[in-house]
Structure formats: structure tokens, C-alpha cells
Protein backbone atom coordinates (compact mmCIF):
# COMPACT_ATOMS: atom_id res chain seq x y z
CA MET A 1 -23.19 4.40 15.12
CA THR A 2 -23.96 4.74 11.49
CA LEU A 3 -26.88 2.94 9.93
CA LEU A 4 -26.57 1.35 6.51
CA SER A 5 -29.56 -0.60 5.23
CA GLY A 6 -30.85 -1.01 8.77
CA VAL A 7 -27.61 -2.53 10.06
CA ALA A 8 -25.65 -0.63 12.68
CA LEU A 9 -22.02 -0.20 11.63
CA PRO A 10 -19.32 -0.10 14.28
CA TRP A 11 -17.17 2.97 14.85
CA SER A 12 -14.20 1.04 13.45
CA LEU A 13 -15.46 1.26 9.86
CA PRO A 14 -13.85 4.66 9.22
CA LEU A 15 -10.61 3.41 10.76
CA THR A 16 -10.70 0.34 8.53
CA LEU A 17 -11.20 2.53 5.47
CA VAL A 18 -8.24 4.70 6.48
CA VAL A 19 -6.02 1.64 6.91
CA TYR A 20 -6.99 0.33 3.48
CA GLY A 21 -6.38 3.79 2.03
CA VAL A 22 -2.87 3.82 3.47
CA VAL A 23 -2.18 0.36 2.01
CA VAL A 24 -3.39 1.46 -1.44
CA ALA A 25 -1.30 4.64 -1.21
CA ALA A 26 1.78 2.58 -0.25
CA ALA A 27 1.21 0.24 -3.19
CA ALA A 28 0.88 3.20 -5.56
CA TRP A 29 4.06 4.77 -4.18
CA ILE A 30 6.03 1.54 -4.50
CA TYR A 31 4.76 1.03 -8.05
CA ARG A 32 5.74 4.55 -9.13
CA ASP A 33 9.12 4.36 -7.42
CA ALA A 34 9.96 0.94 -8.88
CA ARG A 35 8.87 2.11 -12.33
CA ALA A 36 11.02 5.26 -12.00
CA ARG A 37 13.99 3.03 -11.15
CA GLY A 38 13.35 0.99 -14.30
CA SER A 39 12.21 -2.18 -12.54
CA ARG A 40 10.22 -4.54 -14.71
CA TYR A 41 8.67 -5.95 -11.52
CA ALA A 42 6.87 -2.74 -10.55
CA PRO A 43 3.36 -4.25 -11.00
CA LEU A 44 4.39 -7.29 -8.97
CA TRP A 45 5.63 -5.05 -6.13
CA ALA A 46 2.31 -3.18 -6.13
CA VAL A 47 0.12 -6.30 -6.14
CA THR A 48 2.25 -7.93 -3.46
CA THR A 49 1.87 -4.82 -1.31
CA LEU A 50 -1.91 -4.93 -1.71
CA LEU A 51 -2.02 -8.59 -0.71
CA PHE A 52 0.50 -8.73 2.12
CA THR A 53 0.55 -5.07 3.28
CA ILE A 54 3.57 -4.30 5.47
CA LEU A 55 6.00 -7.11 4.57
CA PRO A 56 6.54 -6.03 0.93
CA VAL A 57 6.92 -2.40 2.02
CA LEU A 58 9.67 -3.35 4.46
CA ALA A 59 11.33 -5.61 1.88
CA TYR A 60 11.24 -2.89 -0.78
CA LEU A 61 12.70 -0.29 1.56
CA TYR A 62 15.41 -2.71 2.65
CA LEU A 63 16.38 -3.72 -0.89
CA HIS A 64 16.55 -0.12 -2.12
CA ARG A 65 18.10 1.50 0.96
CA ASP A 66 21.43 2.24 -0.74
CA ALA A 67 20.00 3.39 -4.05
CA GLY A 68 18.77 6.75 -2.76
CA PRO A 69 15.78 8.57 -4.21
CA ALA A 70 14.52 7.63 -7.65
CA PRO A 71 15.50 10.04 -10.44
């Protein structure tokens, strides 16, 4: 266990940080991809991904499945 200010932190803290890192990376990817496609809702996609994690990612991938890679 890691000690921080005298409080023992559980082993799951690094795992939690990794999960949040993946969510932030997904939001950044969706923002950049939506912006490259010319979407004016790119910031909304990113914020929604940060708030609701996996649901916006699945929705974005579903809605853009036929478009192919961004230019």
C-alpha cells in the first residue's frame, strides 16, 4: 500500500488513474476526429465522453461507421 498524508491508499488507485487516462484519451481522440470531419459539435462530443464514458464512444463509432477514416 502507498501512504499519502498518513492514509493508506488501496492498490486500485493506479488502476483508477489508468481508467481515467483512457477516458481522457478517448475524449481527445473523438474531439480531434470530429473536428477533422468538420463537425461543429466536436467539443460537445468530447465533454459528453468525459461525463458518460463508454456510451458516447459507442454512439460516435456507430454514427460514423460508414464514413471511414477522417481526412
